[in-house]
Protein backbone atom coordinates (compact mmCIF):
# COMPACT_ATOMS: atom_id res chain seq x y z
CA MET A 1 68.11 -89.69 -9.71
CA THR A 2 67.96 -91.91 -6.64
CA GLU A 3 65.40 -94.63 -5.92
CA ASN A 4 63.17 -92.13 -4.12
CA GLN A 5 63.46 -89.59 -6.90
CA TYR A 6 61.99 -91.63 -9.73
CA PRO A 7 59.04 -89.39 -10.62
CA TRP A 8 57.24 -91.99 -12.74
CA TYR A 9 56.34 -94.18 -9.77
CA GLU A 10 53.63 -91.70 -8.76
CA SER A 11 51.90 -92.38 -12.08
CA TYR A 12 51.83 -96.17 -11.69
CA PRO A 13 48.40 -97.64 -10.90
CA GLU A 14 48.38 -99.22 -7.43
CA ASP A 15 48.50 -102.76 -8.84
CA VAL A 16 51.58 -102.14 -11.03
CA PRO A 17 54.81 -103.03 -9.16
CA HIS A 18 57.93 -100.85 -9.25
CA THR A 19 60.16 -103.84 -10.03
CA ILE A 20 59.68 -107.25 -11.63
CA GLY A 21 62.11 -109.43 -9.65
CA GLU A 22 64.03 -112.35 -11.09
CA PRO A 23 62.79 -114.04 -14.29
CA GLU A 24 60.31 -116.85 -13.79
CA TYR A 25 61.91 -119.11 -16.40
CA ASP A 26 65.46 -120.27 -17.16
CA SER A 27 64.95 -119.88 -20.91
CA LEU A 28 62.45 -118.80 -23.53
CA TYR A 29 61.93 -122.42 -24.48
CA ALA A 30 60.95 -123.17 -20.87
CA LEU A 31 58.36 -120.36 -21.09
CA PHE A 32 57.01 -121.85 -24.31
CA GLU A 33 56.91 -125.40 -22.91
CA ASP A 34 55.09 -124.30 -19.76
CA THR A 35 52.43 -122.48 -21.78
CA CYS A 36 51.92 -125.51 -24.02
CA HIS A 37 51.33 -127.70 -20.97
CA LYS A 38 48.97 -125.23 -19.26
CA TYR A 39 46.86 -124.59 -22.36
CA ALA A 40 47.43 -127.78 -24.34
CA ASN A 41 44.00 -127.92 -25.99
CA LYS A 42 43.58 -124.19 -26.55
CA THR A 43 44.08 -122.68 -30.01
CA ALA A 44 47.62 -121.33 -30.17
CA PHE A 45 47.89 -119.95 -33.71
CA THR A 46 45.51 -119.35 -36.59
CA SER A 47 46.84 -118.72 -40.10
CA PHE A 48 44.76 -118.35 -43.28
CA GLY A 49 41.75 -119.57 -41.30
CA THR A 50 43.44 -122.80 -40.11
CA SER A 51 44.23 -123.28 -36.43
CA MET A 52 46.68 -125.34 -34.38
CA THR A 53 46.54 -126.04 -30.63
CA PHE A 54 49.41 -125.50 -28.23
CA ARG A 55 49.85 -129.28 -27.99
CA GLU A 56 50.13 -129.62 -31.78
CA VAL A 57 52.60 -126.75 -32.03
CA ASN A 58 54.69 -128.23 -29.20
CA GLU A 59 54.83 -131.60 -30.95
CA LYS A 60 56.12 -129.99 -34.14
CA VAL A 61 58.66 -127.89 -32.22
CA ASP A 62 60.01 -131.05 -30.57
CA ALA A 63 60.18 -132.85 -33.92
CA PHE A 64 61.95 -130.01 -35.72
CA ALA A 65 64.41 -129.59 -32.83
CA SER A 66 65.22 -133.30 -33.06
CA TYR A 67 65.83 -132.94 -36.79
CA LEU A 68 68.14 -129.94 -36.29
CA GLN A 69 70.13 -131.74 -33.61
CA ASN A 70 70.37 -135.22 -35.16
CA GLU A 71 70.36 -134.60 -38.91
CA LEU A 72 72.13 -131.24 -39.10
CA ASN A 73 74.25 -131.63 -35.96
CA VAL A 74 73.57 -128.11 -34.74
CA LYS A 75 75.25 -127.13 -31.50
CA LYS A 76 74.53 -124.66 -28.75
CA GLY A 77 75.53 -121.17 -29.91
CA ASP A 78 75.00 -121.84 -33.62
CA ALA A 79 72.97 -119.23 -35.50
CA LEU A 80 69.64 -120.13 -37.13
CA GLY A 81 68.45 -117.75 -39.83
CA VAL A 82 64.66 -117.38 -40.03
CA ILE A 83 63.31 -115.56 -43.11
CA LEU A 84 59.55 -115.96 -42.78
CA PRO A 85 56.38 -113.86 -42.74
CA ASN A 86 53.69 -114.49 -40.11
CA LEU A 87 52.99 -118.19 -40.66
CA ILE A 88 52.62 -121.01 -38.12
CA GLN A 89 56.05 -122.23 -39.22
CA TYR A 90 57.63 -119.12 -37.65
CA PRO A 91 57.05 -120.02 -33.97
CA ILE A 92 57.86 -123.67 -34.72
CA CYS A 93 61.26 -122.69 -36.11
CA VAL A 94 62.06 -120.17 -33.40
CA PHE A 95 61.28 -122.41 -30.44
CA ALA A 96 62.91 -125.46 -32.01
CA GLY A 97 66.07 -123.42 -32.48
CA LEU A 98 65.89 -122.09 -28.92
CA LYS A 99 65.39 -125.62 -27.60
CA CYS A 100 68.66 -126.56 -29.32
CA GLY A 101 70.41 -123.59 -27.69
CA MET A 102 70.72 -121.80 -31.02
CA ARG A 103 70.71 -118.05 -31.59
CA ILE A 104 67.83 -116.90 -33.77
CA VAL A 105 68.59 -114.45 -36.59
CA ASN A 106 65.39 -112.80 -37.81
CA VAL A 107 65.59 -111.57 -41.41
CA ASN A 108 63.01 -109.49 -43.25
CA PRO A 109 61.62 -111.68 -46.09
CA LEU A 110 61.19 -108.58 -48.26
CA TYR A 111 64.93 -107.94 -48.26
CA THR A 112 66.85 -108.14 -51.52
CA ALA A 113 69.53 -110.79 -51.92
CA HIS A 114 72.18 -108.17 -51.09
CA GLU A 115 70.41 -107.15 -47.86
CA ILE A 116 69.92 -110.78 -46.82
CA LEU A 117 73.58 -111.45 -47.51
CA SER A 118 74.76 -108.69 -45.17
CA VAL A 119 72.81 -110.14 -42.22
CA LEU A 120 73.54 -113.82 -42.85
CA ARG A 121 77.23 -113.25 -43.42
CA ASP A 122 77.59 -111.11 -40.31
CA SER A 123 75.72 -113.62 -38.12
CA LYS A 124 77.55 -116.64 -39.60
CA ALA A 125 74.28 -118.56 -39.81
CA GLN A 126 74.81 -122.08 -41.19
CA VAL A 127 71.15 -123.15 -41.23
CA VAL A 128 68.38 -120.99 -42.72
CA VAL A 129 64.63 -121.58 -42.75
CA THR A 130 62.80 -119.58 -45.36
CA LEU A 131 59.76 -119.35 -47.60
CA GLU A 132 59.81 -121.05 -51.00
CA SER A 133 59.57 -117.67 -52.77
CA ILE A 134 62.92 -116.64 -51.23
CA ASN A 135 64.92 -119.74 -52.22
CA ALA A 136 66.15 -118.23 -55.49
CA ARG A 137 67.47 -115.15 -53.67
CA LEU A 138 69.27 -117.32 -51.13
CA LEU A 139 70.88 -119.51 -53.78
CA GLN A 140 72.23 -116.37 -55.48
CA ILE A 141 74.29 -115.54 -52.39
CA HIS A 142 74.82 -119.04 -51.01
CA ASP A 143 78.53 -119.17 -51.88
CA GLN A 144 79.21 -115.87 -50.09
CA THR A 145 77.76 -117.04 -46.77
CA TYR A 146 78.34 -119.75 -44.15
CA ILE A 147 75.08 -121.51 -45.09
CA LYS A 148 75.21 -125.30 -45.14
CA THR A 149 71.48 -126.05 -45.23
CA ILE A 150 68.45 -124.20 -46.60
CA ILE A 151 65.11 -125.45 -45.30
CA SER A 152 62.11 -124.30 -47.33
CA CYS A 153 58.52 -123.75 -46.12
CA ASN A 154 55.43 -123.57 -48.28
CA VAL A 155 52.52 -121.30 -47.35
CA GLY A 156 50.18 -124.29 -47.35
CA ASP A 157 52.33 -126.65 -45.22
CA TYR A 158 49.82 -126.77 -42.37
CA LEU A 159 46.60 -125.56 -43.97
CA GLY A 160 45.05 -128.99 -44.50
CA SER A 161 44.83 -131.51 -47.34
CA PHE A 162 42.59 -129.33 -49.54
CA LYS A 163 43.40 -125.73 -48.59
CA GLY A 164 47.18 -126.33 -48.39
CA PRO A 165 47.69 -127.51 -52.01
CA PHE A 166 45.30 -124.80 -53.24
CA TYR A 167 47.31 -122.02 -51.56
CA ASN A 168 50.60 -123.47 -52.78
CA PHE A 169 49.27 -123.63 -56.34
CA ALA A 170 47.96 -120.06 -56.12
CA PHE A 171 51.25 -118.66 -54.86
CA ARG A 172 53.34 -120.58 -57.42
CA TYR A 173 51.26 -120.26 -60.56
CA LEU A 174 48.54 -117.64 -60.16
CA LYS A 175 50.48 -114.98 -58.24
CA ARG A 176 53.78 -116.17 -59.78
CA SER A 177 55.53 -115.33 -56.51
CA VAL A 178 57.96 -118.29 -56.58
CA PRO A 179 60.94 -117.80 -58.94
CA SER A 180 62.46 -121.06 -60.22
CA TYR A 181 65.31 -122.55 -58.16
CA ASP A 182 67.43 -125.71 -57.92
CA LYS A 183 65.33 -128.02 -55.73
CA LYS A 184 68.28 -130.37 -55.14
CA GLN A 185 69.88 -127.81 -52.84
CA ILE A 186 66.79 -127.34 -50.67
CA VAL A 187 65.33 -129.36 -47.76
CA SER A 188 61.54 -129.40 -47.30
CA PHE A 189 60.48 -128.03 -43.91
CA LYS A 190 57.48 -130.33 -43.68
CA SER A 191 59.56 -133.43 -44.46
CA ALA A 192 62.20 -132.32 -41.92
CA VAL A 193 59.53 -132.14 -39.21
CA GLU A 194 58.13 -135.54 -40.21
CA LYS A 195 61.59 -137.06 -40.03
CA GLY A 196 62.19 -135.49 -36.63
CA TYR A 197 59.26 -137.35 -35.08
CA ASN A 198 61.32 -140.54 -35.22
CA LEU A 199 64.47 -139.06 -33.71
CA GLY A 200 65.49 -138.56 -30.10
CA PHE A 201 66.69 -135.37 -28.45
CA SER A 202 69.55 -134.75 -26.03
CA LYS A 203 68.66 -131.94 -23.64
CA VAL A 204 70.77 -128.80 -24.05
CA ASP A 205 71.87 -126.90 -20.96
CA ILE A 206 70.69 -123.33 -21.53
CA ASN A 207 71.71 -120.50 -19.22
CA ILE A 208 69.39 -117.52 -18.80
CA ASP A 209 72.23 -115.18 -19.77
CA ASP A 210 72.94 -117.04 -23.02
CA VAL A 211 72.22 -115.10 -26.20
CA ALA A 212 68.85 -116.05 -27.69
CA PHE A 213 68.63 -113.64 -30.64
CA TYR A 214 70.87 -111.69 -32.94
CA GLN A 215 68.30 -109.03 -33.75
CA TYR A 216 69.62 -106.90 -36.60
CA THR A 217 69.08 -103.18 -36.93
CA GLY A 218 70.33 -100.70 -39.52
CA GLY A 219 71.19 -103.36 -42.07
CA THR A 220 69.79 -101.46 -45.06
CA THR A 221 71.63 -98.21 -44.32
CA GLY A 222 75.13 -99.50 -43.65
CA LYS A 223 76.85 -102.39 -41.89
CA PRO A 224 74.15 -104.34 -40.06
CA LYS A 225 74.34 -104.42 -36.26
CA GLY A 226 73.14 -107.57 -34.51
CA ALA A 227 71.82 -106.74 -31.04
CA MET A 228 72.66 -109.68 -28.78
CA LEU A 229 69.49 -110.27 -26.77
CA THR A 230 69.69 -112.88 -24.04
CA HIS A 231 66.97 -115.12 -22.65
CA ARG A 232 67.02 -112.89 -19.55
CA ASN A 233 66.56 -109.74 -21.66
CA ILE A 234 63.43 -110.96 -23.40
CA ILE A 235 61.86 -112.78 -20.44
CA SER A 236 62.40 -109.65 -18.34
CA ASN A 237 60.72 -107.55 -21.03
CA VAL A 238 57.79 -109.98 -21.13
CA MET A 239 57.43 -109.65 -17.35
CA GLN A 240 57.62 -105.85 -17.65
CA ALA A 241 54.82 -105.86 -20.24
CA ASP A 242 52.82 -108.20 -18.00
CA ALA A 243 53.26 -105.86 -15.02
CA MET A 244 51.95 -102.91 -17.07
CA TYR A 245 48.99 -104.61 -18.77
CA SER A 246 47.95 -107.76 -16.85
CA PRO A 247 45.49 -105.99 -14.49
CA ILE A 248 43.08 -105.65 -17.43
CA LEU A 249 43.78 -109.07 -18.99
CA ASN A 250 42.64 -112.62 -18.25
CA TYR A 251 45.26 -115.34 -18.58
CA GLY A 252 44.26 -118.08 -21.00
CA GLU A 253 41.26 -116.15 -22.34
CA GLU A 254 42.71 -113.48 -24.64
CA THR A 255 43.04 -113.40 -28.43
CA ILE A 256 45.67 -111.20 -30.07
CA LEU A 257 45.78 -109.89 -33.64
CA THR A 258 49.30 -110.20 -35.07
CA ALA A 259 49.43 -108.06 -38.17
CA LEU A 260 52.92 -106.72 -37.43
CA PRO A 261 55.71 -108.97 -38.74
CA LEU A 262 57.07 -111.33 -36.09
CA TYR A 263 60.61 -110.90 -37.38
CA HIS A 264 60.44 -107.33 -36.00
CA ILE A 265 61.41 -107.02 -32.34
CA PHE A 266 58.17 -105.26 -31.29
CA ALA A 267 55.90 -108.05 -32.51
CA MET A 268 58.37 -110.82 -31.67
CA THR A 269 58.45 -109.87 -27.98
CA ILE A 270 54.88 -108.66 -27.44
CA ASN A 271 52.81 -110.61 -30.01
CA LEU A 272 54.75 -113.85 -29.62
CA MET A 273 56.56 -114.06 -26.27
CA PHE A 274 54.21 -111.96 -24.14
CA ALA A 275 51.16 -113.51 -25.79
CA LEU A 276 52.51 -116.96 -24.94
CA TYR A 277 53.20 -115.88 -21.37
CA ILE A 278 49.51 -115.04 -20.84
CA GLY A 279 48.21 -118.04 -22.81
CA CYS A 280 46.88 -115.99 -25.71
CA SER A 281 45.41 -117.31 -28.97
CA ASN A 282 47.20 -115.68 -31.89
CA ILE A 283 45.68 -114.61 -35.21
CA LEU A 284 48.56 -114.42 -37.71
CA ILE A 285 48.33 -112.04 -40.68
CA ALA A 286 50.94 -112.88 -43.31
CA ASP A 287 50.69 -109.60 -45.26
CA PRO A 288 48.92 -106.68 -43.52
CA ARG A 289 49.47 -104.53 -46.61
CA GLN A 290 46.54 -106.45 -48.06
CA PHE A 291 44.20 -104.90 -45.51
CA ASN A 292 41.14 -106.76 -46.76
CA THR A 293 42.73 -109.93 -45.36
CA VAL A 294 42.93 -108.22 -41.95
CA ILE A 295 39.23 -107.41 -42.11
CA SER A 296 38.38 -110.97 -43.20
CA ALA A 297 40.44 -112.40 -40.34
CA LEU A 298 38.64 -110.15 -37.84
CA LYS A 299 35.26 -111.24 -39.18
CA ARG A 300 36.25 -114.88 -38.56
CA ASN A 301 37.77 -114.03 -35.17
CA SER A 302 35.66 -111.24 -33.70
CA ASP A 303 36.73 -112.21 -30.17
CA VAL A 304 40.06 -110.39 -30.68
CA SER A 305 40.80 -108.60 -27.41
CA ILE A 306 44.34 -107.29 -28.00
CA ILE A 307 45.70 -105.35 -30.95
CA ILE A 308 49.35 -104.36 -31.21
CA ALA A 309 49.90 -101.82 -33.97
CA VAL A 310 52.02 -99.09 -35.49
CA ASN A 311 50.55 -95.73 -36.45
CA THR A 312 49.99 -96.81 -40.07
CA LEU A 313 47.96 -99.85 -39.02
CA LEU A 314 45.88 -97.85 -36.53
CA ASN A 315 45.16 -95.36 -39.30
CA ALA A 316 44.11 -98.18 -41.63
CA PHE A 317 41.51 -99.31 -39.05
CA VAL A 318 40.05 -95.81 -39.22
CA THR A 319 40.20 -95.21 -42.98
CA HIS A 320 38.79 -98.67 -43.80
CA ASP A 321 35.85 -98.25 -41.36
CA VAL A 322 36.77 -101.53 -39.69
CA PHE A 323 34.59 -100.96 -36.62
CA LYS A 324 31.53 -100.49 -38.83
CA LYS A 325 32.22 -103.81 -40.55
CA VAL A 326 33.24 -105.89 -37.51
CA LYS A 327 32.00 -105.80 -33.93
CA LEU A 328 35.02 -106.32 -31.71
CA ASN A 329 33.11 -106.40 -28.45
CA LYS A 330 35.95 -107.97 -26.45
CA LEU A 331 38.64 -105.49 -27.50
CA ARG A 332 40.24 -104.13 -24.33
CA LEU A 333 43.93 -103.47 -25.03
CA VAL A 334 45.38 -101.55 -27.97
CA VAL A 335 49.09 -100.80 -27.84
CA GLY A 336 50.77 -98.50 -30.35
CA GLY A 337 54.50 -98.48 -30.93
CA GLY A 338 57.26 -99.09 -33.44
CA THR A 339 56.97 -95.42 -34.47
CA ALA A 340 55.27 -92.38 -32.97
CA VAL A 341 51.47 -92.58 -32.72
CA GLN A 342 50.11 -89.34 -34.14
CA GLU A 343 47.54 -87.39 -32.16
CA GLY A 344 45.02 -87.25 -34.99
CA VAL A 345 45.22 -91.00 -35.53
CA ALA A 346 44.94 -91.82 -31.81
CA LYS A 347 41.88 -89.63 -31.35
CA LYS A 348 40.14 -90.91 -34.49
CA PHE A 349 40.83 -94.51 -33.45
CA LYS A 350 39.23 -93.98 -30.05
CA GLU A 351 36.24 -92.24 -31.64
CA VAL A 352 35.46 -95.22 -33.86
CA SER A 353 36.47 -98.04 -31.48
CA GLY A 354 35.82 -96.68 -28.00
CA VAL A 355 39.24 -97.98 -26.92
CA SER A 356 42.23 -95.77 -26.12
CA VAL A 357 45.58 -96.39 -27.76
CA LEU A 358 48.24 -96.98 -25.09
CA GLU A 359 51.44 -95.83 -26.71
CA GLY A 360 54.62 -97.68 -25.85
CA TYR A 361 58.23 -96.98 -26.68
CA GLY A 362 61.22 -99.17 -27.22
CA LEU A 363 64.11 -100.03 -29.43
CA THR A 364 65.71 -103.20 -30.71
CA GLU A 365 68.58 -102.92 -28.24
CA CYS A 366 66.09 -102.99 -25.33
CA SER A 367 64.12 -106.09 -26.35
CA PRO A 368 62.27 -103.58 -27.07
CA LEU A 369 59.87 -102.17 -24.44
CA CYS A 370 61.18 -99.35 -22.21
CA CYS A 371 58.16 -97.13 -21.62
CA ALA A 372 54.41 -97.65 -21.71
CA LEU A 373 51.29 -95.66 -21.06
CA PRO A 374 49.65 -97.10 -17.89
CA TYR A 375 46.57 -99.21 -18.56
CA ASN A 376 44.31 -96.69 -16.75
CA ASN A 377 45.27 -93.86 -19.12
CA ARG A 378 42.18 -93.14 -21.21
CA GLU A 379 43.16 -90.10 -23.26
CA TYR A 380 45.94 -89.29 -25.71
CA ASN A 381 48.50 -87.13 -23.91
CA GLY A 382 51.30 -87.00 -26.48
CA THR A 383 53.76 -88.97 -24.35
CA ILE A 384 55.25 -92.45 -24.55
CA GLY A 385 54.13 -93.10 -20.99
CA VAL A 386 56.42 -93.96 -18.10
CA PRO A 387 59.41 -96.30 -17.74
CA THR A 388 58.37 -99.92 -17.24
CA PRO A 389 59.08 -101.65 -13.89
CA SER A 390 62.82 -102.17 -13.19
CA THR A 391 63.67 -99.65 -15.95
CA ILE A 392 65.60 -96.49 -15.15
CA ALA A 393 65.35 -93.58 -17.59
CA ARG A 394 67.33 -90.39 -17.79
CA ILE A 395 67.60 -87.45 -20.17
CA VAL A 396 71.01 -85.87 -20.80
CA ASP A 397 72.19 -82.71 -22.51
CA ILE A 398 73.33 -83.68 -26.03
CA HIS A 399 76.33 -81.32 -25.80
CA THR A 400 77.55 -81.69 -22.20
CA GLY A 401 76.19 -85.11 -21.20
CA GLU A 402 74.84 -83.60 -17.97
CA GLU A 403 71.62 -85.12 -16.66
CA ILE A 404 68.46 -83.03 -17.08
CA THR A 405 65.82 -83.31 -14.35
CA GLN A 406 63.77 -80.20 -15.17
CA LYS A 407 60.55 -80.54 -17.13
CA ASN A 408 60.32 -79.55 -20.80
CA MET A 409 64.09 -79.28 -21.32
CA PRO A 410 65.10 -81.43 -24.32
CA GLY A 411 67.98 -83.88 -24.25
CA GLU A 412 68.88 -87.40 -25.32
CA LEU A 413 66.87 -90.20 -23.74
CA GLU A 414 68.83 -93.08 -22.15
CA PHE A 415 67.83 -96.30 -20.37
CA LYS A 416 69.17 -99.06 -18.21
CA GLY A 417 67.36 -102.18 -17.08
CA PRO A 418 67.28 -105.99 -17.37
CA GLN A 419 65.97 -105.76 -20.96
CA VAL A 420 69.03 -103.89 -22.30
CA MET A 421 71.11 -105.95 -24.75
CA LYS A 422 74.48 -107.51 -24.07
CA GLY A 423 75.99 -105.56 -26.99
CA TYR A 424 76.29 -105.83 -30.76
CA PHE A 425 77.56 -109.14 -32.11
CA ASN A 426 81.14 -108.92 -33.31
CA ASN A 427 81.05 -105.11 -33.22
CA GLN A 428 82.80 -103.67 -30.20
CA LYS A 429 83.15 -100.19 -31.72
CA GLU A 430 79.39 -99.70 -32.15
CA THR A 431 78.75 -101.28 -28.74
CA GLU A 432 81.01 -98.74 -27.05
CA HIS A 433 79.38 -95.92 -29.00
CA VAL A 434 75.81 -96.79 -28.00
CA PHE A 435 76.51 -97.15 -24.27
CA ASP A 436 76.93 -94.17 -21.95
CA GLY A 437 78.31 -95.96 -18.91
CA GLU A 438 75.54 -98.30 -17.73
CA PHE A 439 72.94 -96.50 -19.82
CA LEU A 440 71.99 -97.19 -23.42
CA ARG A 441 71.72 -94.13 -25.66
CA THR A 442 68.56 -94.04 -27.78
CA GLY A 443 69.35 -91.28 -30.27
CA ASP A 444 65.95 -89.74 -29.45
CA ILE A 445 65.37 -86.24 -28.10
CA ALA A 446 62.89 -86.22 -25.22
CA VAL A 447 61.58 -84.12 -22.34
CA TRP A 448 60.23 -84.87 -18.87
CA CYS A 449 56.55 -84.11 -18.31
CA ASP A 450 54.39 -84.07 -15.17
CA GLY A 451 54.24 -87.33 -13.24
CA GLY A 452 57.40 -88.77 -14.79
CA PHE A 453 55.83 -89.12 -18.22
CA ILE A 454 58.26 -88.81 -21.14
CA LYS A 455 57.58 -87.07 -24.43
CA ILE A 456 59.64 -87.86 -27.50
CA ILE A 457 60.42 -84.75 -29.51
CA ASP A 458 62.14 -86.51 -32.42
CA ARG A 459 65.16 -88.44 -33.61
CA ILE A 460 68.38 -86.47 -33.26
CA LYS A 461 69.26 -87.26 -36.87
CA ASP A 462 65.83 -86.12 -38.15
CA MET A 463 65.93 -82.72 -36.46
CA ILE A 464 65.68 -79.81 -38.96
CA ILE A 465 67.61 -76.61 -38.29
CA VAL A 466 65.92 -73.54 -39.79
CA SER A 467 67.92 -70.33 -39.36
CA GLY A 468 69.42 -71.79 -36.19
CA PHE A 469 66.08 -72.89 -34.74
CA ASN A 470 65.43 -76.58 -34.01
CA VAL A 471 62.36 -77.96 -35.80
CA PHE A 472 61.08 -81.45 -35.09
CA PRO A 473 59.16 -83.35 -37.82
CA ASN A 474 57.00 -85.24 -35.30
CA GLU A 475 55.48 -82.01 -34.03
CA ILE A 476 54.45 -80.90 -37.51
CA GLU A 477 53.18 -84.36 -38.49
CA ASN A 478 51.03 -84.46 -35.36
CA VAL A 479 49.37 -81.17 -36.29
CA VAL A 480 48.82 -82.23 -39.91
CA SER A 481 47.31 -85.57 -38.81
CA MET A 482 44.49 -83.65 -37.12
CA LEU A 483 43.14 -82.56 -40.52
CA ASN A 484 40.20 -84.73 -41.59
CA GLY A 485 41.26 -84.83 -45.24
CA VAL A 486 44.69 -86.31 -44.44
CA ILE A 487 45.37 -90.05 -44.57
CA GLU A 488 49.05 -89.78 -43.60
CA CYS A 489 51.97 -87.40 -43.87
CA GLY A 490 55.74 -87.10 -43.58
CA VAL A 491 58.06 -84.17 -42.87
CA VAL A 492 61.75 -83.74 -43.70
CA GLY A 493 64.32 -80.97 -43.99
CA VAL A 494 65.59 -79.92 -47.41
CA PRO A 495 68.51 -77.62 -48.27
CA SER A 496 67.81 -73.90 -48.35
CA SER A 497 70.16 -71.14 -49.54
CA SER A 498 68.60 -68.61 -47.16
CA THR A 499 67.87 -70.59 -43.97
CA GLY A 500 70.24 -73.56 -44.18
CA GLU A 501 67.31 -75.98 -44.18
CA SER A 502 63.61 -75.56 -44.80
CA VAL A 503 60.66 -77.78 -43.97
CA LYS A 504 59.03 -79.97 -46.63
CA LEU A 505 55.69 -81.68 -46.02
CA TYR A 506 54.39 -84.67 -47.97
CA ILE A 507 50.68 -85.51 -47.67
CA VAL A 508 48.59 -88.47 -48.77
CA ARG A 509 45.05 -87.09 -48.88
CA LYS A 510 41.69 -88.82 -49.08
CA ASP A 511 39.87 -85.58 -49.91
CA LYS A 512 41.04 -84.04 -53.20
CA THR A 513 39.48 -80.72 -52.20
CA LEU A 514 42.22 -80.36 -49.59
CA THR A 515 44.58 -77.70 -50.96
CA LYS A 516 47.96 -76.35 -49.90
CA GLU A 517 46.23 -73.13 -48.84
CA LEU A 518 43.87 -75.00 -46.48
CA VAL A 519 46.78 -76.97 -45.03
CA LEU A 520 48.71 -73.76 -44.36
CA LEU A 521 45.71 -72.11 -42.70
CA HIS A 522 45.45 -75.10 -40.36
CA LEU A 523 49.19 -75.14 -39.59
CA LYS A 524 49.30 -71.43 -38.78
CA LYS A 525 46.82 -72.00 -35.95
CA TYR A 526 49.24 -74.30 -34.14
CA LEU A 527 52.82 -73.56 -35.25
CA THR A 528 55.18 -70.61 -35.13
CA GLY A 529 56.43 -69.16 -38.41
CA TYR A 530 59.77 -70.96 -38.82
CA LYS A 531 58.06 -74.34 -38.35
CA ILE A 532 55.60 -73.79 -41.20
CA PRO A 533 56.56 -75.93 -44.24
CA LYS A 534 57.90 -73.95 -47.17
CA HIS A 535 57.16 -76.86 -49.50
CA ILE A 536 53.97 -78.97 -49.54
CA GLU A 537 53.57 -81.87 -51.94
CA PHE A 538 50.59 -84.20 -52.33
CA VAL A 539 51.61 -87.78 -53.14
CA GLU A 540 49.82 -91.09 -53.69
CA LYS A 541 51.80 -92.96 -51.03
CA LEU A 542 54.70 -92.61 -48.63
CA PRO A 543 57.72 -94.90 -48.56
CA LYS A 544 57.51 -97.20 -45.54
CA SER A 545 59.36 -100.00 -43.85
CA PRO A 546 57.60 -103.40 -43.59
CA VAL A 547 56.51 -102.43 -40.07
CA GLY A 548 54.88 -99.25 -41.34
CA LYS A 549 57.41 -96.60 -40.36
CA VAL A 550 57.58 -93.72 -42.80
CA LEU A 551 61.12 -93.75 -44.21
CA ARG A 552 62.24 -90.16 -43.94
CA ARG A 553 65.57 -90.90 -45.59
CA TYR A 554 63.63 -91.87 -48.75
CA LEU A 555 61.55 -88.71 -48.51
CA ARG A 556 64.74 -86.68 -48.37
CA GLN A 557 65.87 -88.50 -51.52
CA ASN A 558 62.39 -88.01 -53.06
CA ARG A 559 62.06 -91.80 -53.42
CA PHE A 560 58.61 -93.36 -53.30
CA ASP A 561 59.43 -96.85 -54.56
CA SER A 562 59.55 -98.58 -51.17
């Protein structure tokens, strides 16, 4: 496609530019510092009902950066491991590290010691900031890593003189979530920040094309791959998100709900970096699995105007009758991503909230946003929207590699743009495999639709082949999600002696009167015969990642312990 042949431009609203231009900042720390100066007295983050202004956060970032530089002698290019849930300490650590020119390594705090080891060893992180409950796991693997210093946060560090000790006591002794560990090997985060207030700081020269994050992907299924995301990558992605959504937003006046974990690329870029860019107040939810805490947070902060969510979280808003319990009168932007938003969920969410879900699409290697539904799109259309400004998309035949320009012809989706990673850290083989010339391969099968919209059919690896016919789990899950008695569902292929593979459907139901026979009657209205599941099983829950993606590999293994 040439510049004049990009079909998605016709679907852009008039006030959305085709390109974003050069980044406005030299580094992510510069973006953070500018926001803190513009909105110094505005609430920046709220955690467990306690808030901190941008000025207060900036002061703590400066102090922690001074500690890292003077006490630990960190240098530009060193890796800083961050193993934290959504607490105020997370942005403090990240921006202090970035100010020092470090490369941030986000690690899922739910990982086992073995999974943490694979990421920390690959990234060569020498300094790690973590939660007290994870210290024991880290000390188990300490000798197998490059770690020199472990800095430990407590949940109550910045919750005040009464609430802070109470929360710490509850987590240690009532919930028993802190295994015993050798305190002599651990540095207190709060004391490190206090010490940093009395230390100076030597400015670090940061280039916009320096690596800012090693963002790991695939670490639980094999050798972890650290996507090297530069300051340019993420700032560009922030500007792309701003171009798509800013016409309906007011800088300095928005409040965003952050229930997705910030260590995940979707939330890290949109809920943290983009939210900072527009001067947003941020409501941090440490554990969205405890959905009552989400409802309580919304009751305390009913001025939430932006929600970023995965399909599971959107569904929870519906099933928990959130909009009957809380009046979110300022809600104007709801973005779904991280995994496919199902039609049934999107329609039910709009029915109860009055706000359309604007689905977006991305991947870790693209910082992550590549496509988004334009802000003026008011109805679910089953697509991931259009490529964001300065992003070029193409679909290629999975067998020949030839570009497909016709509508409704499936092929692999590929992207190029300023948000695409530099490559995988210390992994040239995987880097070469994921790039197709200048384009990054996604591993997703997609088709072109009218107006340059793109529809994801499914992951190449999740495709089911029944008697030679291609069957895509997403299509079946979408149809099942339309049933009122279904909370959520998952579809996988299982071996079959007669057809090679057959379709198996797992359903979590809220209505026990929903039977296999009723499900089949519904499916037969929408799907051809070979797509109809041969096996239907009702289960109490589905295995999910911390972000809420249904883990199909566990379904194939019949594992529900995630």
